[in-house]
Each structure stands twice: as C-alpha cells, then as structure tokens.
PDB file of N, CA and C in Angstrom:
ATOM      1  N   MET A   1       3.972-110.891 268.383  1.00  0.00           N
ATOM      2  CA  MET A   1       4.916-111.050 267.011  1.00  0.00           C
ATOM      3  C   MET A   1       6.259-111.439 268.282  1.00  0.00           C
ATOM      4  N   ASP A   2       6.380-112.480 267.800  1.00  0.00           N
ATOM      5  CA  ASP A   2       7.803-113.353 268.171  1.00  0.00           C
ATOM      6  C   ASP A   2       8.728-112.342 267.544  1.00  0.00           C
ATOM      7  N   ILE A   3      10.062-112.737 268.385  1.00  0.00           N
ATOM      8  CA  ILE A   3      11.722-112.008 268.141  1.00  0.00           C
ATOM      9  C   ILE A   3      12.102-112.635 266.440  1.00  0.00           C
ATOM     10  N   GLN A   4      11.977-113.540 265.989  1.00  0.00           N
ATOM     11  CA  GLN A   4      11.447-114.133 264.990  1.00  0.00           C
ATOM     12  C   GLN A   4      11.433-114.017 263.577  1.00  0.00           C
ATOM     13  N   THR A   5      10.317-113.049 264.132  1.00  0.00           N
ATOM     14  CA  THR A   5       9.617-113.130 263.041  1.00  0.00           C
ATOM     15  C   THR A   5      10.129-110.825 262.563  1.00  0.00           C
ATOM     16  N   LEU A   6      10.035-110.561 263.476  1.00  0.00           N
ATOM     17  CA  LEU A   6      10.592-109.274 263.442  1.00  0.00           C
ATOM     18  C   LEU A   6      12.396-109.555 263.205  1.00  0.00           C
ATOM     19  N   ARG A   7      13.292-110.758 263.484  1.00  0.00           N
ATOM     20  CA  ARG A   7      14.137-110.329 262.816  1.00  0.00           C
ATOM     21  C   ARG A   7      14.320-110.612 261.244  1.00  0.00           C
ATOM     22  N   ALA A   8      13.112-111.620 261.232  1.00  0.00           N
ATOM     23  CA  ALA A   8      13.228-111.757 259.546  1.00  0.00           C
ATOM     24  C   ALA A   8      12.554-110.449 258.646  1.00  0.00           C
ATOM     25  N   PHE A   9      11.781-109.695 259.542  1.00  0.00           N
ATOM     26  CA  PHE A   9      11.161-108.461 258.692  1.00  0.00           C
ATOM     27  C   PHE A   9      12.263-107.290 258.266  1.00  0.00           C
ATOM     28  N   PHE A  10      12.939-107.493 259.619  1.00  0.00           N
ATOM     29  CA  PHE A  10      13.782-106.355 259.597  1.00  0.00           C
ATOM     30  C   PHE A  10      14.857-106.769 258.242  1.00  0.00           C
ATOM     31  N   MET A  11      15.333-108.040 258.187  1.00  0.00           N
ATOM     32  CA  MET A  11      15.939-108.517 257.380  1.00  0.00           C
ATOM     33  C   MET A  11      16.429-108.313 255.934  1.00  0.00           C
ATOM     34  N   TRP A  12      14.644-108.198 255.854  1.00  0.00           N
ATOM     35  CA  TRP A  12      14.304-108.640 254.130  1.00  0.00           C
ATOM     36  C   TRP A  12      14.317-106.985 254.586  1.00  0.00           C
ATOM     37  N   CYS A  13      13.798-105.958 255.000  1.00  0.00           N
ATOM     38  CA  CYS A  13      13.472-104.318 255.130  1.00  0.00           C
ATOM     39  C   CYS A  13      15.128-104.140 254.991  1.00  0.00           C
ATOM     40  N   THR A  14      16.066-104.761 255.328  1.00  0.00           N
ATOM     41  CA  THR A  14      17.446-104.033 255.761  1.00  0.00           C
ATOM     42  C   THR A  14      17.739-104.546 253.529  1.00  0.00           C
ATOM     43  N   ILE A  15      18.230-105.672 253.679  1.00  0.00           N
ATOM     44  CA  ILE A  15      18.069-106.137 251.947  1.00  0.00           C
ATOM     45  C   ILE A  15      17.162-105.244 250.880  1.00  0.00           C
ATOM     46  N   ILE A  16      16.298-105.370 251.062  1.00  0.00           N
ATOM     47  CA  ILE A  16      15.627-104.508 249.849  1.00  0.00           C
ATOM     48  C   ILE A  16      15.911-103.030 249.759  1.00  0.00           C
ATOM     49  N   ASN A  17      15.356-102.200 250.703  1.00  0.00           N
ATOM     50  CA  ASN A  17      16.374-101.000 251.202  1.00  0.00           C
ATOM     51  C   ASN A  17      17.572-101.009 250.650  1.00  0.00           C
ATOM     52  N   GLY A  18      18.553-101.343 251.724  1.00  0.00           N
ATOM     53  CA  GLY A  18      19.940-101.513 250.897  1.00  0.00           C
ATOM     54  C   GLY A  18      20.343-101.750 249.211  1.00  0.00           C
ATOM     55  N   GLY A  19      19.427-102.709 248.627  1.00  0.00           N
ATOM     56  CA  GLY A  19      19.387-102.674 247.024  1.00  0.00           C
ATOM     57  C   GLY A  19      19.059-101.456 246.138  1.00  0.00           C
ATOM     58  N   LEU A  20      18.693-101.062 246.927  1.00  0.00           N
ATOM     59  CA  LEU A  20      17.685-100.068 246.345  1.00  0.00           C
ATOM     60  C   LEU A  20      18.704 -98.058 246.211  1.00  0.00           C
ATOM     61  N   LEU A  21      19.622 -98.502 247.420  1.00  0.00           N
ATOM     62  CA  LEU A  21      20.514 -97.563 248.147  1.00  0.00           C
ATOM     63  C   LEU A  21      21.481 -97.797 246.797  1.00  0.00           C
ATOM     64  N   PHE A  22      21.855 -98.887 246.727  1.00  0.00           N
ATOM     65  CA  PHE A  22      23.256 -99.318 245.968  1.00  0.00           C
ATOM     66  C   PHE A  22      23.439 -99.180 244.902  1.00  0.00           C
ATOM     67  N   PHE A  23      21.270 -99.221 244.131  1.00  0.00           N
ATOM     68  CA  PHE A  23      21.376 -99.378 242.682  1.00  0.00           C
ATOM     69  C   PHE A  23      21.383 -97.965 242.373  1.00  0.00           C
ATOM     70  N   TRP A  24      20.302 -97.115 243.724  1.00  0.00           N
ATOM     71  CA  TRP A  24      20.701 -95.132 243.506  1.00  0.00           C
ATOM     72  C   TRP A  24      22.111 -94.700 243.306  1.00  0.00           C
ATOM     73  N   THR A  25      22.921 -95.196 243.543  1.00  0.00           N
ATOM     74  CA  THR A  25      24.341 -94.742 244.421  1.00  0.00           C
ATOM     75  C   THR A  25      24.976 -95.195 243.137  1.00  0.00           C
ATOM     76  N   VAL A  26      25.235 -96.302 242.494  1.00  0.00           N
ATOM     77  CA  VAL A  26      25.495 -96.857 241.378  1.00  0.00           C
ATOM     78  C   VAL A  26      24.980 -96.018 239.880  1.00  0.00           C
ATOM     79  N   MET A  27      23.760 -95.939 239.715  1.00  0.00           N
ATOM     80  CA  MET A  27      23.436 -94.817 238.913  1.00  0.00           C
ATOM     81  C   MET A  27      24.029 -93.084 238.685  1.00  0.00           C
ATOM     82  N   LEU A  28      23.960 -92.802 239.908  1.00  0.00           N
ATOM     83  CA  LEU A  28      24.224 -92.077 239.930  1.00  0.00           C
ATOM     84  C   LEU A  28      25.894 -91.272 239.772  1.00  0.00           C
ATOM     85  N   ILE A  29      26.420 -92.847 240.085  1.00  0.00           N
ATOM     86  CA  ILE A  29      27.949 -92.574 239.999  1.00  0.00           C
ATOM     87  C   ILE A  29      28.555 -93.009 238.232  1.00  0.00           C
ATOM     88  N   LEU A  30      27.933 -94.333 237.453  1.00  0.00           N
ATOM     89  CA  LEU A  30      28.139 -94.691 236.421  1.00  0.00           C
ATOM     90  C   LEU A  30      27.235 -93.933 235.657  1.00  0.00           C
ATOM     91  N   VAL A  31      25.970 -93.558 235.861  1.00  0.00           N
ATOM     92  CA  VAL A  31      25.067 -92.169 234.426  1.00  0.00           C
ATOM     93  C   VAL A  31      24.389 -91.466 234.812  1.00  0.00           C
ATOM     94  N   PRO A  32      25.260 -90.372 235.652  1.00  0.00           N
ATOM     95  CA  PRO A  32      24.567 -89.136 236.037  1.00  0.00           C
ATOM     96  C   PRO A  32      23.798 -88.454 234.963  1.00  0.00           C
ATOM     97  N   ASP A  33      24.783 -87.901 233.646  1.00  0.00           N
ATOM     98  CA  ASP A  33      23.648 -87.859 232.753  1.00  0.00           C
ATOM     99  C   ASP A  33      22.448 -88.182 231.896  1.00  0.00           C
ATOM    100  N   LEU A  34      22.269 -89.648 232.416  1.00  0.00           N
ATOM    101  CA  LEU A  34      21.208 -90.093 232.022  1.00  0.00           C
ATOM    102  C   LEU A  34      19.796 -90.061 233.288  1.00  0.00           C
ATOM    103  N   VAL A  35      20.489 -90.404 234.316  1.00  0.00           N
ATOM    104  CA  VAL A  35      19.269 -89.628 235.265  1.00  0.00           C
ATOM    105  C   VAL A  35      18.414 -88.285 235.087  1.00  0.00           C
ATOM    106  N   TYR A  36      19.897 -87.802 235.095  1.00  0.00           N
ATOM    107  CA  TYR A  36      19.187 -86.049 234.634  1.00  0.00           C
ATOM    108  C   TYR A  36      18.341 -85.769 233.945  1.00  0.00           C
ATOM    109  N   ARG A  37      19.166 -86.332 232.532  1.00  0.00           N
ATOM    110  CA  ARG A  37      18.059 -86.244 231.475  1.00  0.00           C
ATOM    111  C   ARG A  37      17.013 -86.942 231.828  1.00  0.00           C
ATOM    112  N   MET A  38      16.457 -88.078 232.601  1.00  0.00           N
ATOM    113  CA  MET A  38      15.182 -88.368 232.720  1.00  0.00           C
ATOM    114  C   MET A  38      14.534 -87.484 233.762  1.00  0.00           C
ATOM    115  N   GLN A  39      14.629 -86.877 234.336  1.00  0.00           N
ATOM    116  CA  GLN A  39      13.917 -86.450 235.493  1.00  0.00           C
ATOM    117  C   GLN A  39      14.050 -85.038 234.872  1.00  0.00           C
ATOM    118  N   SER A  40      14.345 -84.474 234.171  1.00  0.00           N
ATOM    119  CA  SER A  40      14.765 -83.302 233.633  1.00  0.00           C
ATOM    120  C   SER A  40      13.573 -82.867 232.718  1.00  0.00           C
ATOM    121  N   ARG A  41      12.924 -84.453 232.094  1.00  0.00           N
ATOM    122  CA  ARG A  41      11.459 -84.020 231.210  1.00  0.00           C
ATOM    123  C   ARG A  41      10.550 -83.603 231.957  1.00  0.00           C
ATOM    124  N   TRP A  42       9.829 -84.538 233.606  1.00  0.00           N
ATOM    125  CA  TRP A  42       9.142 -84.091 234.086  1.00  0.00           C
ATOM    126  C   TRP A  42       9.094 -82.554 235.404  1.00  0.00           C
ATOM    127  N   PHE A  43      10.927 -82.658 235.479  1.00  0.00           N
ATOM    128  CA  PHE A  43      11.091 -81.588 236.260  1.00  0.00           C
ATOM    129  C   PHE A  43      11.875 -80.662 235.458  1.00  0.00           C
ATOM    130  N   PRO A  44      11.142 -79.347 235.084  1.00  0.00           N
ATOM    131  CA  PRO A  44      12.882 -78.636 234.634  1.00  0.00           C
ATOM    132  C   PRO A  44      13.461 -77.940 235.823  1.00  0.00           C
ATOM    133  N   ILE A  45      14.907 -78.261 235.310  1.00  0.00           N
ATOM    134  CA  ILE A  45      15.346 -77.850 236.810  1.00  0.00           C
ATOM    135  C   ILE A  45      16.855 -77.701 236.231  1.00  0.00           C
ATOM    136  N   PRO A  46      17.092 -77.094 236.751  1.00  0.00           N
ATOM    137  CA  PRO A  46      18.959 -76.495 236.060  1.00  0.00           C
ATOM    138  C   PRO A  46      19.654 -77.507 236.516  1.00  0.00           C
ATOM    139  N   ARG A  47      21.229 -77.913 235.841  1.00  0.00           N
ATOM    140  CA  ARG A  47      21.629 -79.269 237.135  1.00  0.00           C
ATOM    141  C   ARG A  47      22.497 -79.281 238.304  1.00  0.00           C
ATOM    142  N   ASN A  48      22.837 -77.881 238.275  1.00  0.00           N
ATOM    143  CA  ASN A  48      23.570 -78.152 239.767  1.00  0.00           C
ATOM    144  C   ASN A  48      22.235 -78.034 240.723  1.00  0.00           C
ATOM    145  N   THR A  49      21.291 -77.854 240.436  1.00  0.00           N
ATOM    146  CA  THR A  49      20.198 -77.748 241.746  1.00  0.00           C
ATOM    147  C   THR A  49      19.931 -79.181 241.525  1.00  0.00           C
ATOM    148  N   PHE A  50      19.699 -79.612 240.404  1.00  0.00           N
ATOM    149  CA  PHE A  50      19.556 -80.792 240.455  1.00  0.00           C
ATOM    150  C   PHE A  50      20.280 -81.907 241.365  1.00  0.00           C
ATOM    151  N   ASP A  51      21.421 -81.646 241.201  1.00  0.00           N
ATOM    152  CA  ASP A  51      22.864 -82.204 241.515  1.00  0.00           C
ATOM    153  C   ASP A  51      22.586 -81.879 243.431  1.00  0.00           C
ATOM    154  N   ILE A  52      22.461 -80.770 243.727  1.00  0.00           N
ATOM    155  CA  ILE A  52      22.241 -80.962 245.088  1.00  0.00           C
ATOM    156  C   ILE A  52      20.867 -81.314 245.702  1.00  0.00           C
ATOM    157  N   VAL A  53      19.814 -81.207 245.540  1.00  0.00           N
ATOM    158  CA  VAL A  53      18.607 -81.893 245.470  1.00  0.00           C
ATOM    159  C   VAL A  53      19.291 -83.916 245.278  1.00  0.00           C
ATOM    160  N   ILE A  54      19.682 -84.467 244.484  1.00  0.00           N
ATOM    161  CA  ILE A  54      19.895 -85.403 244.825  1.00  0.00           C
ATOM    162  C   ILE A  54      20.728 -86.388 245.787  1.00  0.00           C
ATOM    163  N   TYR A  55      21.378 -85.803 245.471  1.00  0.00           N
ATOM    164  CA  TYR A  55      22.839 -85.620 246.958  1.00  0.00           C
ATOM    165  C   TYR A  55      22.036 -85.509 247.975  1.00  0.00           C
ATOM    166  N   SER A  56      20.911 -85.077 248.447  1.00  0.00           N
ATOM    167  CA  SER A  56      20.301 -84.904 249.441  1.00  0.00           C
ATOM    168  C   SER A  56      19.783 -85.707 249.923  1.00  0.00           C
ATOM    169  N   PHE A  57      18.930 -86.110 248.929  1.00  0.00           N
ATOM    170  CA  PHE A  57      18.171 -87.138 248.918  1.00  0.00           C
ATOM    171  C   PHE A  57      18.685 -88.640 249.352  1.00  0.00           C
ATOM    172  N   LEU A  58      19.303 -88.899 248.545  1.00  0.00           N
ATOM    173  CA  LEU A  58      20.396 -89.941 248.800  1.00  0.00           C
ATOM    174  C   LEU A  58      21.162 -89.755 250.469  1.00  0.00           C
ATOM    175  N   GLY A  59      21.581 -89.317 250.640  1.00  0.00           N
ATOM    176  CA  GLY A  59      21.552 -88.710 251.963  1.00  0.00           C
ATOM    177  C   GLY A  59      20.958 -89.002 253.151  1.00  0.00           C
ATOM    178  N   LEU A  60      20.193 -88.557 253.461  1.00  0.00           N
ATOM    179  CA  LEU A  60      18.591 -88.618 254.096  1.00  0.00           C
ATOM    180  C   LEU A  60      18.056 -89.941 253.646  1.00  0.00           C
ATOM    181  N   PHE A  61      18.543 -90.791 252.499  1.00  0.00           N
ATOM    182  CA  PHE A  61      17.692 -91.916 252.560  1.00  0.00           C
ATOM    183  C   PHE A  61      18.546 -92.760 253.556  1.00  0.00           C
ATOM    184  N   LYS A  62      20.089 -92.555 253.249  1.00  0.00           N
ATOM    185  CA  LYS A  62      21.045 -93.356 254.017  1.00  0.00           C
ATOM    186  C   LYS A  62      21.447 -92.767 255.292  1.00  0.00           C
ATOM    187  N   ILE A  63      20.475 -92.068 255.696  1.00  0.00           N
ATOM    188  CA  ILE A  63      20.707 -91.710 257.288  1.00  0.00           C
ATOM    189  C   ILE A  63      19.348 -93.072 257.708  1.00  0.00           C
ATOM    190  N   PHE A  64      18.017 -92.688 256.757  1.00  0.00           N
ATOM    191  CA  PHE A  64      16.988 -93.921 256.981  1.00  0.00           C
ATOM    192  C   PHE A  64      17.013 -95.267 257.150  1.00  0.00           C
ATOM    193  N   PHE A  65      18.088 -95.733 255.939  1.00  0.00           N
ATOM    194  CA  PHE A  65      18.636 -97.085 256.137  1.00  0.00           C
ATOM    195  C   PHE A  65      18.908 -97.697 257.316  1.00  0.00           C
ATOM    196  N   ILE A  66      19.813 -96.729 257.568  1.00  0.00           N
ATOM    197  CA  ILE A  66      20.945 -97.064 258.609  1.00  0.00           C
ATOM    198  C   ILE A  66      19.865 -97.046 259.867  1.00  0.00           C
ATOM    199  N   ILE A  67      19.331 -96.019 260.331  1.00  0.00           N
ATOM    200  CA  ILE A  67      18.445 -95.668 261.490  1.00  0.00           C
ATOM    201  C   ILE A  67      17.191 -96.567 261.589  1.00  0.00           C
ATOM    202  N   PHE A  68      16.405 -96.351 260.744  1.00  0.00           N
ATOM    203  CA  PHE A  68      15.114 -97.693 260.599  1.00  0.00           C
ATOM    204  C   PHE A  68      15.456 -99.167 260.326  1.00  0.00           C
ATOM    205  N   ASN A  69      16.233 -99.045 259.626  1.00  0.00           N
ATOM    206  CA  ASN A  69      16.391-100.528 259.118  1.00  0.00           C
ATOM    207  C   ASN A  69      17.762-101.618 259.480  1.00  0.00           C
ATOM    208  N   ALA A  70      19.166-100.974 258.892  1.00  0.00           N
ATOM    209  CA  ALA A  70      20.189-101.490 260.081  1.00  0.00           C
ATOM    210  C   ALA A  70      20.375-101.834 261.554  1.00  0.00           C
ATOM    211  N   VAL A  71      20.387-100.797 262.387  1.00  0.00           N
ATOM    212  CA  VAL A  71      20.339-100.203 263.066  1.00  0.00           C
ATOM    213  C   VAL A  71      19.311-101.662 264.535  1.00  0.00           C
ATOM    214  N   PRO A  72      18.234-102.013 263.787  1.00  0.00           N
ATOM    215  CA  PRO A  72      17.151-102.633 264.184  1.00  0.00           C
ATOM    216  C   PRO A  72      16.986-104.048 264.005  1.00  0.00           C
ATOM    217  N   TYR A  73      17.828-104.594 262.968  1.00  0.00           N
ATOM    218  CA  TYR A  73      18.677-105.488 262.665  1.00  0.00           C
ATOM    219  C   TYR A  73      19.250-106.006 263.330  1.00  0.00           C
ATOM    220  N   ILE A  74      20.911-105.088 263.761  1.00  0.00           N
ATOM    221  CA  ILE A  74      21.711-105.636 264.554  1.00  0.00           C
ATOM    222  C   ILE A  74      21.148-105.987 265.695  1.00  0.00           C
ATOM    223  N   ALA A  75      20.407-104.894 266.362  1.00  0.00           N
ATOM    224  CA  ALA A  75      20.060-104.721 268.046  1.00  0.00           C
ATOM    225  C   ALA A  75      19.210-106.326 267.871  1.00  0.00           C
ATOM    226  N   LEU A  76      18.451-106.419 266.899  1.00  0.00           N
ATOM    227  CA  LEU A  76      18.013-108.035 267.223  1.00  0.00           C
ATOM    228  C   LEU A  76      18.802-109.034 266.872  1.00  0.00           C
ATOM    229  N   LEU A  77      19.940-108.843 266.258  1.00  0.00           N
ATOM    230  CA  LEU A  77      20.352-110.036 266.414  1.00  0.00           C
ATOM    231  C   LEU A  77      21.540-110.603 267.575  1.00  0.00           C
ATOM    232  N   ILE A  78      21.734-109.077 267.870  1.00  0.00           N
ATOM    233  CA  ILE A  78      22.617-109.066 269.240  1.00  0.00           C
ATOM    234  C   ILE A  78      21.402-109.403 270.376  1.00  0.00           C
ATOM    235  N   VAL A  79      20.717-109.226 270.121  1.00  0.00           N
ATOM    236  CA  VAL A  79      18.960-109.370 271.778  1.00  0.00           C
ATOM    237  C   VAL A  79      18.935-111.409 271.374  1.00  0.00           C
ATOM    238  N   GLY A  80      18.222-111.480 270.522  1.00  0.00           N
ATOM    239  CA  GLY A  80      18.347-113.011 270.068  1.00  0.00           C
ATOM    240  C   GLY A  80      19.277-114.268 269.585  1.00  0.00           C
TER     241      GLY A  80
END
C-alpha cells in the first residue's frame, strides 16, 4: 500500500468521524432534552446519570478521533 492511498484513507476517516463528532456535539448543545427523551425510551436512566455517561462517551470519542484519525493523517501529510 502506498502513502497516497493511506493519506486518502485517513483523510476520509478524519472527515467522516469529524462530521460525526461535530453532529453529536451540536445535538447535545442545541437539543439535549430531545436526545435524552429518545435514549430514555430504550434505556431507563436518570437524567444526571445520562448527562455523565453521554459526555464521557463524547470525550472518549474525541480522544479516539484525535489519536486514531487526525494524528495519523497529519503525520502522513508531513511525511509525504
């Protein structure tokens, strides 16, 4: 596999996962009650616990996004 293919792969991974991160963040900022109502239909959970869990997952997703998508893409840009 050549460096151009890897660069294109990580570019699209970064774009797609960055879009998901952006969408998730915007949803939690603009309509948190709607997100809670949708999730509480399937998982009965108190609102305080929901907030802690959802923001923990958001933070974990952000860390994974940076480590596994953005950093390799930037490294490939520098190397290539």
